């Protein structure tokens, strides 16, 4: 792994983690505003399976899209500053 790949991996990972943290807070606040609380554990009877599955689907989609957007943003910055995107960006997302 060369220096550009390392910089890419660190920057893309940091952006994805930061964006996911922010998205989860926003998603949680929106869910609580609409539903009253975030679903608990359906195994313990804290919530229904339907609501728990809806939360899992919503959070999975939102976090996946936000992570993708964050990594794409890092790729665009990398392209502007260095004129190319390193090989590590073509590999499986971090």
Foldseek 3Di string as FASTA:
>chain_A
DDPLLVVLQVQLVVLLVVQLVVQVVVVQVVCCVVPVHQADDVVVVSDPPVSPVVNVVVSVVSSVVSSVVSSVVSQVVCCVPPVHHDPNSVDDRD
